[in-house]
């Protein structure tokens, strides 16, 4: 039952982007770690259960899930940049002009978005998907194949994080790079192996307490504790608390919930990726035409419902045109397997 949780994480990212105050920025950072933990677990489950490490089916399905809506939003953004170039430049630092051929290539091929170049980014936070794709490759090749590999990746990822904190390395290296994602992805993979091979999941009480601790830890940074806490021990504790939450939810069956709640949960989970894609564009349209201010709580309030409406429209199109193809690919080996949702949405 990850749908509602994923949508909450997506909304925290939207808050961090559109409100624009210094305090809320780290809400998106912490939400990103949560998405990476969930992604590590779900991709490990998909590789072991749905695809049996069939690379062709796995990568084709991931491309179908991630790229068509992304390219559609890229096209809409290009139209917005062409119609209101000066306003776009004021609203978003990556929208200071129409992209040239090099910029278009960077945006369309996705992977270069993780690197600190490319002045025009049509979907600004899509750099995180480039990192996710790299993590999918690491999971496919090594981490998701056995528990020992996941543990080695965990040690490597934790060592990288601790070394960065100890050495005082700047935040962009700790957060905006592929090595930073190794820790949460490996945690998710380990949670899968613990559940499937050892039968261990966190109890509902432990998961509930961990969720409360995760919220408190996130809100305390910058309010109760100094900024150094946000980017140091608080950032690492975020992963620990959220891992317990994910473990607890991974042991919950949808049959344990009433049908209406299960449907809402699935719907919100489906919307989370599309909200991630469109929130900057919807925010620009509303800020430029209705509010006249580029950031703030009023903008967030005005954007929330339109983002949900746009996400719902994307979900309808996705179910009609994309999901039938993905279902055929998942069932290509003759076994009916559950869908694996997109879990990416980052700051």
Protein backbone atom coordinates (compact mmCIF):
# COMPACT_ATOMS: atom_id res chain seq x y z
CA UNK A 1 0.00 0.00 0.00
CA UNK A 2 2.55 2.54 -1.20
CA UNK A 3 0.32 4.75 -3.35
CA UNK A 4 -0.70 7.29 -0.74
CA UNK A 5 2.82 7.43 0.64
CA UNK A 6 4.29 8.05 -2.80
CA UNK A 7 1.83 10.85 -3.45
CA UNK A 8 2.73 12.43 -0.10
CA UNK A 9 6.39 12.34 -1.09
CA UNK A 10 5.56 13.88 -4.47
CA UNK A 11 3.62 16.66 -2.78
CA UNK A 12 6.52 17.39 -0.43
CA UNK A 13 8.69 17.84 -3.50
CA UNK A 14 6.12 20.23 -4.98
CA UNK A 15 6.06 22.20 -1.72
CA UNK A 16 9.84 22.49 -1.72
CA UNK A 17 9.84 23.77 -5.30
CA UNK A 18 6.90 26.16 -5.42
CA UNK A 19 6.81 27.74 -1.97
CA UNK A 20 10.34 29.03 -2.32
CA UNK A 21 11.21 29.69 1.33
CA UNK A 22 14.52 28.47 2.72
CA UNK A 23 12.92 26.24 5.34
CA UNK A 24 10.82 24.08 3.01
CA UNK A 25 13.62 23.24 0.56
CA UNK A 26 14.88 20.28 2.56
CA UNK A 27 11.40 18.70 2.62
CA UNK A 28 12.02 17.78 -0.99
CA UNK A 29 15.50 16.45 -0.20
CA UNK A 30 14.11 14.13 2.45
CA UNK A 31 11.21 13.04 0.24
CA UNK A 32 13.66 12.06 -2.48
CA UNK A 33 15.41 9.64 -0.14
CA UNK A 34 12.05 8.07 0.61
CA UNK A 35 11.35 7.57 -3.09
CA UNK A 36 14.74 5.94 -3.57
CA UNK A 37 14.12 3.46 -0.75
CA UNK A 38 10.72 2.53 -2.22
CA UNK A 39 12.24 2.27 -5.68
CA UNK A 40 15.00 -0.04 -4.45
CA UNK A 41 12.45 -2.41 -2.97
CA UNK A 42 9.98 -2.32 -5.87
CA UNK A 43 12.57 -2.65 -8.62
CA UNK A 44 14.21 -5.55 -6.79
CA UNK A 45 10.79 -7.21 -6.51
CA UNK A 46 10.10 -6.56 -10.20
CA UNK A 47 13.43 -7.98 -11.33
CA UNK A 48 13.07 -11.12 -9.22
CA UNK A 49 9.35 -11.76 -9.70
CA UNK A 50 7.98 -10.04 -12.80
CA UNK A 51 10.96 -10.11 -15.15
CA UNK A 52 13.28 -12.83 -13.77
CA UNK A 53 16.17 -10.59 -14.84
CA UNK A 54 15.04 -10.61 -18.46
CA UNK A 55 16.78 -7.39 -19.46
CA UNK A 56 14.85 -6.80 -22.68
CA UNK A 57 11.45 -6.92 -21.00
CA UNK A 58 12.60 -4.94 -17.96
CA UNK A 59 14.21 -2.07 -19.85
CA UNK A 60 11.45 -1.87 -22.45
CA UNK A 61 8.83 -1.62 -19.73
CA UNK A 62 10.77 1.00 -17.80
CA UNK A 63 11.17 3.09 -20.95
CA UNK A 64 7.44 2.86 -21.71
CA UNK A 65 6.58 3.92 -18.19
CA UNK A 66 9.00 6.83 -17.87
CA UNK A 67 9.50 8.37 -21.30
CA UNK A 68 6.18 8.94 -23.17
CA UNK A 69 4.66 11.30 -20.57
CA UNK A 70 8.03 12.97 -20.07
CA UNK A 71 8.36 13.75 -23.77
CA UNK A 72 4.80 15.04 -23.84
CA UNK A 73 5.51 17.47 -20.99
CA UNK A 74 8.74 18.50 -22.74
CA UNK A 75 6.68 19.42 -25.80
CA UNK A 76 4.21 21.43 -23.74
CA UNK A 77 7.08 23.23 -22.02
CA UNK A 78 8.64 24.16 -25.36
CA UNK A 79 5.34 25.76 -26.36
CA UNK A 80 5.23 27.71 -23.08
CA UNK A 81 8.82 28.92 -23.53
CA UNK A 82 8.06 30.05 -27.07
CA UNK A 83 4.89 31.92 -26.04
CA UNK A 84 6.25 33.63 -22.90
CA UNK A 85 10.05 33.62 -22.96
CA UNK A 86 10.70 36.54 -20.61
CA UNK A 87 8.22 35.32 -17.99
CA UNK A 88 9.64 31.82 -18.20
CA UNK A 89 13.14 33.16 -17.55
CA UNK A 90 11.92 34.92 -14.41
CA UNK A 91 10.06 31.87 -13.18
CA UNK A 92 12.64 29.11 -13.62
CA UNK A 93 16.43 29.42 -14.00
CA UNK A 94 16.52 26.54 -16.50
CA UNK A 95 13.98 28.26 -18.77
CA UNK A 96 15.95 31.30 -19.89
CA UNK A 97 15.48 30.59 -23.59
CA UNK A 98 14.58 28.03 -26.19
CA UNK A 99 16.98 25.07 -26.26
CA UNK A 100 19.48 24.66 -29.05
CA UNK A 101 20.24 21.29 -30.65
CA UNK A 102 22.68 20.35 -27.88
CA UNK A 103 20.17 21.19 -25.15
CA UNK A 104 17.46 19.17 -26.90
CA UNK A 105 19.76 16.18 -27.15
CA UNK A 106 20.58 16.39 -23.44
CA UNK A 107 16.89 16.58 -22.53
CA UNK A 108 15.75 13.82 -24.87
CA UNK A 109 18.48 11.34 -23.95
CA UNK A 110 17.86 11.95 -20.21
CA UNK A 111 21.09 10.48 -18.81
CA UNK A 112 23.20 13.65 -19.31
CA UNK A 113 20.68 15.56 -17.17
CA UNK A 114 22.43 14.32 -14.04
CA UNK A 115 25.58 16.23 -15.00
CA UNK A 116 26.02 19.92 -14.11
CA UNK A 117 25.73 21.23 -17.64
CA UNK A 118 22.96 21.95 -20.10
CA UNK A 119 21.53 25.43 -19.54
CA UNK A 120 17.96 24.54 -20.59
CA UNK A 121 16.13 21.74 -18.77
CA UNK A 122 12.56 21.34 -19.91
CA UNK A 123 11.49 19.30 -16.85
CA UNK A 124 13.93 20.67 -14.28
CA UNK A 125 13.92 17.82 -11.72
CA UNK A 126 14.21 15.07 -14.33
CA UNK A 127 17.91 14.79 -13.49
CA UNK A 128 16.75 12.43 -10.75
CA UNK A 129 15.31 10.02 -13.32
CA UNK A 130 18.73 9.84 -14.95
CA UNK A 131 20.13 8.76 -11.60
CA UNK A 132 17.28 6.30 -11.12
CA UNK A 133 18.08 4.70 -14.48
CA UNK A 134 21.69 4.27 -13.39
CA UNK A 135 20.49 2.70 -10.16
CA UNK A 136 18.22 0.37 -12.13
CA UNK A 137 21.32 -0.78 -14.02
CA UNK A 138 23.18 -1.35 -10.75
CA UNK A 139 20.23 -3.30 -9.37
CA UNK A 140 19.92 -5.34 -12.54
CA UNK A 141 23.60 -6.21 -12.77
CA UNK A 142 24.46 -6.75 -9.11
CA UNK A 143 22.43 -5.50 -6.17
CA UNK A 144 19.05 -7.16 -6.72
CA UNK A 145 20.47 -10.61 -7.46
CA UNK A 146 21.23 -11.66 -3.90
CA UNK A 147 21.30 -10.37 -0.34
CA UNK A 148 25.08 -10.33 -0.07
CA UNK A 149 25.35 -7.99 -3.07
CA UNK A 150 22.79 -5.65 -1.56
CA UNK A 151 24.69 -5.59 1.73
CA UNK A 152 27.96 -4.74 -0.06
CA UNK A 153 26.18 -1.90 -1.86
CA UNK A 154 24.76 -0.71 1.47
CA UNK A 155 28.23 -0.57 3.02
CA UNK A 156 29.61 1.26 0.00
CA UNK A 157 26.74 3.77 -0.06
CA UNK A 158 26.92 4.43 3.68
CA UNK A 159 30.70 4.85 3.51
CA UNK A 160 30.30 7.43 0.75
CA UNK A 161 27.75 9.38 2.78
CA UNK A 162 29.78 9.31 5.99
CA UNK A 163 32.96 10.33 4.21
CA UNK A 164 31.17 13.26 2.58
CA UNK A 165 29.78 14.44 5.92
CA UNK A 166 33.11 14.00 7.71
CA UNK A 167 35.09 15.78 5.01
CA UNK A 168 32.58 18.62 4.75
CA UNK A 169 32.04 18.00 1.05
CA UNK A 170 29.48 20.34 -0.46
CA UNK A 171 25.83 19.37 -0.53
CA UNK A 172 25.39 19.02 -4.32
CA UNK A 173 27.89 16.15 -4.33
CA UNK A 174 26.11 14.42 -1.45
CA UNK A 175 22.65 14.81 -2.98
CA UNK A 176 22.76 15.38 -6.74
CA UNK A 177 25.04 12.50 -7.76
CA UNK A 178 24.51 8.83 -8.53
CA UNK A 179 26.72 7.60 -5.64
CA UNK A 180 24.40 9.36 -3.20
CA UNK A 181 21.54 7.11 -4.35
CA UNK A 182 23.37 3.84 -3.73
CA UNK A 183 22.53 3.86 0.00
CA UNK A 184 18.73 4.24 -0.21
CA UNK A 185 18.41 1.91 -3.21
CA UNK A 186 20.43 -0.80 -1.47
CA UNK A 187 18.32 -0.36 1.67
CA UNK A 188 15.21 -1.00 -0.41
CA UNK A 189 16.77 -4.11 -1.96
CA UNK A 190 17.70 -5.47 1.48
CA UNK A 191 14.15 -4.90 2.71
CA UNK A 192 12.93 -7.05 -0.18
CA UNK A 193 15.29 -9.91 0.65
CA UNK A 194 14.44 -9.72 4.34
CA UNK A 195 10.74 -9.98 3.52
CA UNK A 196 10.95 -12.72 0.90
CA UNK A 197 13.74 -14.90 2.24
CA UNK A 198 13.61 -14.33 5.98
CA UNK A 199 9.97 -13.42 6.41
CA UNK A 200 10.85 -10.27 8.35
CA UNK A 201 8.92 -7.02 8.07
CA UNK A 202 8.48 -4.24 10.57
CA UNK A 203 5.36 -4.46 12.71
CA UNK A 204 2.54 -1.94 12.17
CA UNK A 205 3.41 -0.31 15.51
CA UNK A 206 7.08 0.02 14.57
CA UNK A 207 6.18 1.38 11.12
CA UNK A 208 3.77 3.91 12.63
CA UNK A 209 6.32 5.11 15.17
CA UNK A 210 8.97 5.32 12.46
CA UNK A 211 6.65 7.40 10.27
CA UNK A 212 6.05 9.81 13.15
CA UNK A 213 9.80 9.98 13.77
CA UNK A 214 10.43 10.59 10.06
CA UNK A 215 7.98 13.51 10.02
CA UNK A 216 9.41 14.95 13.25
CA UNK A 217 12.99 14.61 12.02
CA UNK A 218 12.11 16.36 8.77
CA UNK A 219 10.24 19.22 10.42
CA UNK A 220 12.80 19.70 13.18
CA UNK A 221 15.59 20.46 10.74
CA UNK A 222 15.89 24.21 10.39
CA UNK A 223 13.30 24.82 13.12
CA UNK A 224 14.62 23.04 16.22
CA UNK A 225 18.00 21.89 14.90
CA UNK A 226 20.46 23.94 12.83
CA UNK A 227 21.09 23.67 9.13
CA UNK A 228 24.08 21.42 9.74
CA UNK A 229 21.68 18.84 11.16
CA UNK A 230 19.55 18.91 7.99
CA UNK A 231 22.52 18.05 5.80
CA UNK A 232 24.26 15.72 8.26
CA UNK A 233 22.86 13.32 10.81
CA UNK A 234 19.26 14.31 10.10
CA UNK A 235 19.67 13.28 6.47
CA UNK A 236 20.97 9.85 7.46
CA UNK A 237 18.28 9.35 10.12
CA UNK A 238 15.73 10.13 7.43
CA UNK A 239 16.77 6.97 5.59
CA UNK A 240 16.68 4.83 8.74
CA UNK A 241 13.19 5.93 9.78
CA UNK A 242 11.78 5.66 6.29
CA UNK A 243 13.24 2.19 5.78
CA UNK A 244 11.19 0.96 8.75
CA UNK A 245 8.07 2.58 7.27
CA UNK A 246 8.65 0.90 3.90
CA UNK A 247 9.32 -2.45 5.57
CA UNK A 248 6.05 -2.27 7.47
CA UNK A 249 4.04 -1.32 4.40
CA UNK A 250 5.68 -4.02 2.29
CA UNK A 251 4.11 -6.64 4.53
CA UNK A 252 0.61 -5.21 4.18
CA UNK A 253 -1.74 -6.73 1.62
CA UNK A 254 -4.33 -4.62 -0.17
CA UNK A 255 -6.91 -7.16 0.98
CA UNK A 256 -6.47 -5.85 4.51
CA UNK A 257 -8.03 -2.54 3.48
CA UNK A 258 -11.54 -1.76 2.35
CA UNK A 259 -12.00 -1.61 -1.40
CA UNK A 260 -12.60 2.18 -1.65
CA UNK A 261 -9.38 2.95 0.24
CA UNK A 262 -7.41 0.48 -1.88
CA UNK A 263 -8.70 2.16 -5.05
CA UNK A 264 -7.79 5.62 -3.76
CA UNK A 265 -4.36 4.36 -2.78
CA UNK A 266 -3.73 2.97 -6.27
CA UNK A 267 -5.01 6.17 -7.87
CA UNK A 268 -2.78 8.43 -5.79
CA UNK A 269 0.20 6.22 -6.50
CA UNK A 270 -0.50 6.43 -10.22
CA UNK A 271 -0.75 10.22 -10.04
CA UNK A 272 2.51 10.72 -8.16
CA UNK A 273 4.80 10.43 -11.20
CA UNK A 274 2.61 12.67 -13.33
CA UNK A 275 2.46 15.31 -10.58
CA UNK A 276 6.26 15.23 -10.53
CA UNK A 277 6.32 15.89 -14.28
CA UNK A 278 3.82 18.73 -14.55
CA UNK A 279 4.03 20.76 -11.36
CA UNK A 280 6.59 23.27 -12.63
CA UNK A 281 4.66 23.83 -15.85
CA UNK A 282 1.27 24.14 -14.13
CA UNK A 283 2.81 26.47 -11.56
CA UNK A 284 4.16 28.68 -14.34
CA UNK A 285 0.79 28.88 -16.07
CA UNK A 286 -1.01 29.85 -12.87
CA UNK A 287 1.67 32.21 -11.60
CA UNK A 288 1.88 34.02 -14.91
CA UNK A 289 -1.83 34.31 -15.66
CA UNK A 290 -3.54 34.56 -12.26
CA UNK A 291 -1.27 35.38 -9.35
CA UNK A 292 1.60 37.45 -10.69
CA UNK A 293 4.03 35.96 -8.15
CA UNK A 294 6.49 33.20 -8.92
CA UNK A 295 6.72 31.50 -5.49
CA UNK A 296 4.79 31.31 -2.26
CA UNK A 297 2.10 29.50 -0.29
CA UNK A 298 -0.71 31.11 -2.34
CA UNK A 299 0.87 29.66 -5.49
CA UNK A 300 1.05 26.21 -3.90
CA UNK A 301 -2.61 26.43 -2.89
CA UNK A 302 -3.64 27.54 -6.38
CA UNK A 303 -1.55 24.85 -8.09
CA UNK A 304 -2.60 21.84 -6.02
CA UNK A 305 -5.94 21.05 -7.64
CA UNK A 306 -4.81 21.77 -11.22
CA UNK A 307 -1.80 19.49 -10.73
CA UNK A 308 -4.10 16.74 -9.50
CA UNK A 309 -6.42 17.30 -12.46
CA UNK A 310 -3.52 17.17 -14.91
CA UNK A 311 -2.22 14.02 -13.21
CA UNK A 312 -5.64 12.40 -13.51
CA UNK A 313 -5.74 13.26 -17.23
CA UNK A 314 -2.28 11.76 -17.72
CA UNK A 315 -3.38 8.64 -15.87
CA UNK A 316 -6.35 8.18 -18.22
CA UNK A 317 -4.14 8.53 -21.28
CA UNK A 318 -1.55 6.22 -19.77
CA UNK A 319 -4.11 3.51 -19.03
CA UNK A 320 -5.50 3.76 -22.55
CA UNK A 321 -2.34 3.86 -24.66
CA UNK A 322 0.67 2.73 -22.59
CA UNK A 323 -0.45 0.22 -19.98
CA UNK A 324 -1.80 -2.34 -22.50
CA UNK A 325 1.67 -2.47 -24.08
CA UNK A 326 3.38 -2.81 -20.72
CA UNK A 327 0.98 -5.57 -19.67
CA UNK A 328 1.85 -7.58 -22.78
CA UNK A 329 5.55 -7.20 -22.03
CA UNK A 330 5.12 -8.28 -18.41
CA UNK A 331 3.19 -11.35 -19.52
CA UNK A 332 5.53 -12.26 -22.36
CA UNK A 333 6.78 -15.30 -20.43
CA UNK A 334 3.23 -16.61 -20.01
CA UNK A 335 2.79 -15.64 -16.38
CA UNK A 336 0.40 -12.91 -15.25
CA UNK A 337 2.36 -10.51 -13.07
CA UNK A 338 1.26 -7.35 -11.25
CA UNK A 339 2.11 -3.94 -12.59
CA UNK A 340 5.16 -2.17 -11.23
CA UNK A 341 4.41 1.52 -10.83
CA UNK A 342 6.83 4.33 -11.49
CA UNK A 343 8.19 5.50 -8.18
CA UNK A 344 10.35 8.35 -9.40
CA UNK A 345 9.63 11.90 -8.39
CA UNK A 346 12.32 13.98 -6.90
CA UNK A 347 13.38 17.37 -6.01
